[in-house]
C-alpha atoms as a PDB file:
ATOM      1  CA  MET A   1     -63.946 -51.147  13.591  1.00  0.00           C
ATOM      2  CA  GLU A   2     -64.474 -47.420  13.258  1.00  0.00           C
ATOM      3  CA  VAL A   3     -64.060 -45.370  10.105  1.00  0.00           C
ATOM      4  CA  ALA A   4     -63.262 -41.641  10.040  1.00  0.00           C
ATOM      5  CA  PHE A   5     -65.621 -39.390   8.116  1.00  0.00           C
ATOM      6  CA  ILE A   6     -63.455 -36.903   6.189  1.00  0.00           C
ATOM      7  CA  VAL A   7     -64.977 -34.053   4.167  1.00  0.00           C
ATOM      8  CA  ASP A   8     -62.948 -32.193   1.538  1.00  0.00           C
ATOM      9  CA  GLU A   9     -64.158 -28.571   1.553  1.00  0.00           C
ATOM     10  CA  VAL A  10     -61.241 -27.208  -0.504  1.00  0.00           C
ATOM     11  CA  GLN A  11     -63.616 -25.906  -3.185  1.00  0.00           C
ATOM     12  CA  THR A  12     -66.854 -25.707  -1.222  1.00  0.00           C
ATOM     13  CA  GLY A  13     -65.771 -24.090   2.050  1.00  0.00           C
ATOM     14  CA  CYS A  14     -66.049 -20.405   2.963  1.00  0.00           C
ATOM     15  CA  GLY A  15     -69.605 -19.822   1.839  1.00  0.00           C
ATOM     16  CA  VAL A  16     -69.792 -20.635  -1.870  1.00  0.00           C
ATOM     17  CA  THR A  17     -72.775 -22.960  -1.291  1.00  0.00           C
ATOM     18  CA  GLY A  18     -74.661 -20.444   0.850  1.00  0.00           C
ATOM     19  CA  LYS A  19     -73.532 -22.057   4.113  1.00  0.00           C
ATOM     20  CA  PHE A  20     -70.040 -21.598   5.470  1.00  0.00           C
ATOM     21  CA  TRP A  21     -69.358 -25.316   4.916  1.00  0.00           C
ATOM     22  CA  ALA A  22     -71.158 -27.351   2.236  1.00  0.00           C
ATOM     23  CA  HIS A  23     -71.573 -30.238   4.675  1.00  0.00           C
ATOM     24  CA  GLU A  24     -73.895 -28.010   6.750  1.00  0.00           C
ATOM     25  CA  TRP A  25     -76.558 -28.728   4.092  1.00  0.00           C
ATOM     26  CA  TRP A  26     -76.370 -32.472   4.786  1.00  0.00           C
ATOM     27  CA  ASP A  27     -78.150 -32.592   8.199  1.00  0.00           C
ATOM     28  CA  LEU A  28     -75.418 -34.772   9.675  1.00  0.00           C
ATOM     29  CA  PRO A  29     -76.057 -36.257  13.118  1.00  0.00           C
ATOM     30  CA  ARG A  30     -72.598 -34.981  14.160  1.00  0.00           C
ATOM     31  CA  SER A  31     -69.703 -33.056  12.668  1.00  0.00           C
ATOM     32  CA  PRO A  32     -67.272 -34.786  10.306  1.00  0.00           C
ATOM     33  CA  ASP A  33     -64.154 -36.176  11.954  1.00  0.00           C
ATOM     34  CA  LEU A  34     -61.892 -34.122   9.738  1.00  0.00           C
ATOM     35  CA  VAL A  35     -62.566 -31.250   7.295  1.00  0.00           C
ATOM     36  CA  THR A  36     -59.970 -29.970   4.834  1.00  0.00           C
ATOM     37  CA  PHE A  37     -60.127 -26.463   3.365  1.00  0.00           C
ATOM     38  CA  SER A  38     -58.259 -24.048   1.085  1.00  0.00           C
ATOM     39  CA  LYS A  39     -58.944 -21.704  -1.888  1.00  0.00           C
ATOM     40  CA  LYS A  40     -61.471 -19.079  -0.708  1.00  0.00           C
ATOM     41  CA  MET A  41     -60.149 -19.639   2.829  1.00  0.00           C
ATOM     42  CA  LEU A  42     -56.880 -17.900   1.793  1.00  0.00           C
ATOM     43  CA  THR A  43     -54.864 -20.683   3.395  1.00  0.00           C
ATOM     44  CA  GLY A  44     -54.873 -24.451   3.361  1.00  0.00           C
ATOM     45  CA  GLY A  45     -55.621 -26.456   6.429  1.00  0.00           C
ATOM     46  CA  TYR A  46     -57.949 -28.739   8.286  1.00  0.00           C
ATOM     47  CA  TYR A  47     -59.946 -28.999  11.467  1.00  0.00           C
ATOM     48  CA  TYR A  48     -60.978 -32.096  13.333  1.00  0.00           C
ATOM     49  CA  THR A  49     -62.764 -33.649  16.286  1.00  0.00           C
ATOM     50  CA  ASP A  50     -60.908 -34.301  19.545  1.00  0.00           C
ATOM     51  CA  GLU A  51     -60.518 -37.968  18.587  1.00  0.00           C
ATOM     52  CA  MET A  52     -58.494 -36.956  15.514  1.00  0.00           C
ATOM     53  CA  THR A  53     -56.032 -34.704  17.351  1.00  0.00           C
ATOM     54  CA  VAL A  54     -52.522 -35.036  15.934  1.00  0.00           C
ATOM     55  CA  ASP A  55     -50.057 -36.106  18.638  1.00  0.00           C
ATOM     56  CA  ALA A  56     -47.027 -34.423  17.035  1.00  0.00           C
ATOM     57  CA  GLY A  57     -48.161 -31.165  15.475  1.00  0.00           C
ATOM     58  CA  LEU A  58     -44.694 -29.828  14.763  1.00  0.00           C
ATOM     59  CA  ARG A  59     -44.187 -32.555  12.159  1.00  0.00           C
ATOM     60  CA  VAL A  60     -46.690 -30.734   9.931  1.00  0.00           C
ATOM     61  CA  PHE A  61     -45.506 -27.235  10.811  1.00  0.00           C
ATOM     62  CA  ASN A  62     -46.881 -25.327   7.820  1.00  0.00           C
ATOM     63  CA  THR A  63     -50.416 -26.689   8.070  1.00  0.00           C
ATOM     64  CA  TRP A  64     -50.391 -26.975  11.859  1.00  0.00           C
ATOM     65  CA  MET A  65     -49.200 -23.416  12.460  1.00  0.00           C
ATOM     66  CA  GLY A  66     -50.821 -21.881   9.398  1.00  0.00           C
ATOM     67  CA  ASP A  67     -49.582 -18.721   7.749  1.00  0.00           C
ATOM     68  CA  PRO A  68     -50.195 -16.075  10.456  1.00  0.00           C
ATOM     69  CA  GLY A  69     -50.630 -13.224   7.962  1.00  0.00           C
ATOM     70  CA  LYS A  70     -53.222 -15.150   5.967  1.00  0.00           C
ATOM     71  CA  VAL A  71     -54.996 -16.244   9.134  1.00  0.00           C
ATOM     72  CA  ILE A  72     -55.384 -12.555  10.092  1.00  0.00           C
ATOM     73  CA  LEU A  73     -56.770 -11.805   6.606  1.00  0.00           C
ATOM     74  CA  LEU A  74     -59.111 -14.800   6.870  1.00  0.00           C
ATOM     75  CA  GLY A  75     -60.420 -13.429  10.156  1.00  0.00           C
ATOM     76  CA  LYS A  76     -61.375 -10.220   8.340  1.00  0.00           C
ATOM     77  CA  VAL A  77     -62.965 -12.212   5.501  1.00  0.00           C
ATOM     78  CA  ILE A  78     -65.125 -14.120   8.003  1.00  0.00           C
ATOM     79  CA  GLU A  79     -65.999 -10.857   9.759  1.00  0.00           C
ATOM     80  CA  THR A  80     -67.091  -9.361   6.408  1.00  0.00           C
ATOM     81  CA  ILE A  81     -69.099 -12.477   5.460  1.00  0.00           C
ATOM     82  CA  ASN A  82     -71.047 -12.130   8.712  1.00  0.00           C
ATOM     83  CA  LYS A  83     -71.367  -8.334   8.725  1.00  0.00           C
ATOM     84  CA  ASP A  84     -72.520  -8.088   5.091  1.00  0.00           C
ATOM     85  CA  LYS A  85     -74.724 -11.222   5.287  1.00  0.00           C
ATOM     86  CA  LEU A  86     -72.907 -12.733   2.320  1.00  0.00           C
ATOM     87  CA  LEU A  87     -74.169 -16.277   2.953  1.00  0.00           C
ATOM     88  CA  LYS A  88     -77.736 -15.052   2.486  1.00  0.00           C
ATOM     89  CA  ASN A  89     -76.598 -13.206  -0.658  1.00  0.00           C
ATOM     90  CA  VAL A  90     -75.004 -16.406  -2.007  1.00  0.00           C
ATOM     91  CA  GLN A  91     -78.206 -18.391  -1.350  1.00  0.00           C
ATOM     92  CA  GLN A  92     -80.433 -15.831  -3.088  1.00  0.00           C
ATOM     93  CA  THR A  93     -78.055 -15.152  -5.956  1.00  0.00           C
ATOM     94  CA  GLY A  94     -77.357 -18.863  -6.352  1.00  0.00           C
ATOM     95  CA  GLU A  95     -81.046 -19.683  -6.767  1.00  0.00           C
ATOM     96  CA  TYR A  96     -81.291 -16.964  -9.404  1.00  0.00           C
ATOM     97  CA  LEU A  97     -78.113 -18.158 -11.155  1.00  0.00           C
ATOM     98  CA  LEU A  98     -79.272 -21.781 -11.247  1.00  0.00           C
ATOM     99  CA  GLU A  99     -82.713 -20.738 -12.513  1.00  0.00           C
ATOM    100  CA  ASN A 100     -81.120 -18.737 -15.335  1.00  0.00           C
ATOM    101  CA  ILE A 101     -78.654 -21.455 -16.323  1.00  0.00           C
ATOM    102  CA  GLN A 102     -81.626 -23.856 -16.462  1.00  0.00           C
ATOM    103  CA  LYS A 103     -83.517 -21.436 -18.724  1.00  0.00           C
ATOM    104  CA  LEU A 104     -80.548 -21.358 -21.103  1.00  0.00           C
ATOM    105  CA  GLN A 105     -80.327 -25.153 -20.980  1.00  0.00           C
ATOM    106  CA  ASP A 106     -84.022 -25.337 -21.892  1.00  0.00           C
ATOM    107  CA  LYS A 107     -83.506 -22.844 -24.720  1.00  0.00           C
ATOM    108  CA  TYR A 108     -80.324 -24.528 -26.025  1.00  0.00           C
ATOM    109  CA  SER A 109     -81.004 -28.170 -25.154  1.00  0.00           C
ATOM    110  CA  LYS A 110     -78.852 -29.362 -28.054  1.00  0.00           C
ATOM    111  CA  LEU A 111     -75.837 -27.604 -26.495  1.00  0.00           C
ATOM    112  CA  LEU A 112     -76.399 -27.849 -22.717  1.00  0.00           C
ATOM    113  CA  LYS A 113     -77.640 -30.449 -20.225  1.00  0.00           C
ATOM    114  CA  ASN A 114     -77.509 -31.413 -16.558  1.00  0.00           C
ATOM    115  CA  THR A 115     -77.706 -28.013 -14.830  1.00  0.00           C
ATOM    116  CA  ARG A 116     -76.951 -28.385 -11.135  1.00  0.00           C
ATOM    117  CA  GLY A 117     -75.643 -26.568  -8.108  1.00  0.00           C
ATOM    118  CA  ILE A 118     -76.155 -25.114  -4.681  1.00  0.00           C
ATOM    119  CA  GLY A 119     -75.486 -21.516  -3.751  1.00  0.00           C
ATOM    120  CA  THR A 120     -73.358 -20.010  -6.495  1.00  0.00           C
ATOM    121  CA  PHE A 121     -71.412 -23.265  -6.842  1.00  0.00           C
ATOM    122  CA  CYS A 122     -73.137 -24.258 -10.093  1.00  0.00           C
ATOM    123  CA  ALA A 123     -72.349 -26.202 -13.242  1.00  0.00           C
ATOM    124  CA  VAL A 124     -73.818 -27.229 -16.564  1.00  0.00           C
ATOM    125  CA  ASP A 125     -72.586 -29.790 -19.083  1.00  0.00           C
ATOM    126  CA  ALA A 126     -71.897 -28.891 -22.692  1.00  0.00           C
ATOM    127  CA  LYS A 127     -72.784 -31.539 -25.268  1.00  0.00           C
ATOM    128  CA  ASP A 128     -69.078 -32.360 -25.741  1.00  0.00           C
ATOM    129  CA  VAL A 129     -65.571 -31.132 -24.995  1.00  0.00           C
ATOM    130  CA  VAL A 130     -65.300 -29.127 -28.240  1.00  0.00           C
ATOM    131  CA  THR A 131     -68.506 -27.221 -27.432  1.00  0.00           C
ATOM    132  CA  MET A 132     -67.348 -26.613 -23.860  1.00  0.00           C
ATOM    133  CA  GLN A 133     -64.019 -25.231 -25.044  1.00  0.00           C
ATOM    134  CA  LYS A 134     -65.701 -23.014 -27.650  1.00  0.00           C
ATOM    135  CA  ILE A 135     -68.168 -21.639 -25.076  1.00  0.00           C
ATOM    136  CA  MET A 136     -65.332 -20.867 -22.679  1.00  0.00           C
ATOM    137  CA  GLU A 137     -63.266 -19.217 -25.412  1.00  0.00           C
ATOM    138  CA  LEU A 138     -66.155 -17.038 -26.616  1.00  0.00           C
ATOM    139  CA  MET A 139     -67.113 -16.081 -23.045  1.00  0.00           C
ATOM    140  CA  ARG A 140     -63.489 -15.154 -22.319  1.00  0.00           C
ATOM    141  CA  ASN A 141     -63.504 -12.980 -25.450  1.00  0.00           C
ATOM    142  CA  LYS A 142     -66.526 -11.194 -23.946  1.00  0.00           C
ATOM    143  CA  GLY A 143     -64.653 -10.657 -20.660  1.00  0.00           C
ATOM    144  CA  VAL A 144     -66.012 -13.573 -18.607  1.00  0.00           C
ATOM    145  CA  GLN A 145     -63.572 -16.200 -17.365  1.00  0.00           C
ATOM    146  CA  MET A 146     -65.282 -19.553 -16.773  1.00  0.00           C
ATOM    147  CA  GLY A 147     -63.936 -22.754 -15.273  1.00  0.00           C
ATOM    148  CA  SER A 148     -64.230 -26.271 -16.558  1.00  0.00           C
ATOM    149  CA  CYS A 149     -64.265 -29.671 -14.939  1.00  0.00           C
ATOM    150  CA  GLY A 150     -64.057 -33.148 -16.388  1.00  0.00           C
ATOM    151  CA  ALA A 151     -64.696 -33.771 -20.045  1.00  0.00           C
ATOM    152  CA  HIS A 152     -67.432 -31.213 -20.738  1.00  0.00           C
ATOM    153  CA  THR A 153     -68.574 -29.370 -17.606  1.00  0.00           C
ATOM    154  CA  ILE A 154     -68.677 -25.580 -17.336  1.00  0.00           C
ATOM    155  CA  ARG A 155     -68.389 -24.342 -13.756  1.00  0.00           C
ATOM    156  CA  PHE A 156     -69.683 -21.190 -12.126  1.00  0.00           C
ATOM    157  CA  ARG A 157     -67.895 -20.294  -8.898  1.00  0.00           C
ATOM    158  CA  PRO A 158     -68.096 -16.521  -8.489  1.00  0.00           C
ATOM    159  CA  THR A 159     -67.125 -14.429  -5.490  1.00  0.00           C
ATOM    160  CA  LEU A 160     -69.393 -14.160  -2.465  1.00  0.00           C
ATOM    161  CA  VAL A 161     -70.359 -10.592  -3.443  1.00  0.00           C
ATOM    162  CA  PHE A 162     -71.752 -11.753  -6.811  1.00  0.00           C
ATOM    163  CA  GLN A 163     -75.344 -10.473  -7.051  1.00  0.00           C
ATOM    164  CA  LYS A 164     -78.421 -10.856  -9.249  1.00  0.00           C
ATOM    165  CA  HIS A 165     -77.449  -7.969 -11.520  1.00  0.00           C
ATOM    166  CA  HIS A 166     -74.116  -9.726 -12.131  1.00  0.00           C
ATOM    167  CA  VAL A 167     -76.031 -12.894 -13.051  1.00  0.00           C
ATOM    168  CA  ASP A 168     -78.004 -10.847 -15.595  1.00  0.00           C
ATOM    169  CA  ILE A 169     -74.787  -9.593 -17.200  1.00  0.00           C
ATOM    170  CA  VAL A 170     -73.201 -13.054 -17.401  1.00  0.00           C
ATOM    171  CA  MET A 171     -76.380 -14.756 -18.635  1.00  0.00           C
ATOM    172  CA  LYS A 172     -76.869 -12.145 -21.372  1.00  0.00           C
ATOM    173  CA  LEU A 173     -73.358 -12.872 -22.644  1.00  0.00           C
ATOM    174  CA  PHE A 174     -73.832 -16.630 -22.217  1.00  0.00           C
ATOM    175  CA  ASP A 175     -77.062 -16.420 -24.232  1.00  0.00           C
ATOM    176  CA  GLU A 176     -75.266 -14.520 -27.017  1.00  0.00           C
ATOM    177  CA  VAL A 177     -72.513 -17.157 -27.163  1.00  0.00           C
ATOM    178  CA  LEU A 178     -75.000 -20.035 -27.200  1.00  0.00           C
ATOM    179  CA  GLN A 179     -77.101 -18.324 -29.861  1.00  0.00           C
ATOM    180  CA  ASP A 180     -74.007 -18.015 -32.082  1.00  0.00           C
ATOM    181  CA  LEU A 181     -73.116 -21.667 -31.543  1.00  0.00           C
ATOM    182  CA  ALA A 182     -76.692 -22.854 -32.185  1.00  0.00           C
ATOM    183  CA  GLN A 183     -76.655 -21.482 -35.718  1.00  0.00           C
END
């Protein structure tokens, strides 16, 4: 009996981890059988191995045919990612971002824990949901929109052009918010 290996790259595709696909970090012996994508890819879809070829593509017209206008835009996005070496930027900036989140976790260990990430796809847990919500509210009031996940996780998922000087700006504001909450 064979089992298909399906990878959901809806949030992790298009370079946010520092590789075009997050699964490229995994040293797989072969490509996944099916990969789904969306969000930063400007369109939703999937790609697959020959063995997974759909025998009646017109039954899933929207996904099968894509949105031609968005596919043209995506082509330009991929061209820009390559031309401007944005995957390398994401790797370097991501290391710096993770390092700085960890420093704030060390400084505010009563408020933050479990810093993790790859590329600029990073997260840290607040001590509880109330603290997470307060951090997000105070950061928003300072002009920084943050995402959340689960019961108490704060997510960082910036654009591919996010650079070290942007990290410095966000971390300064994050530090101010955490300092206020620590009192």
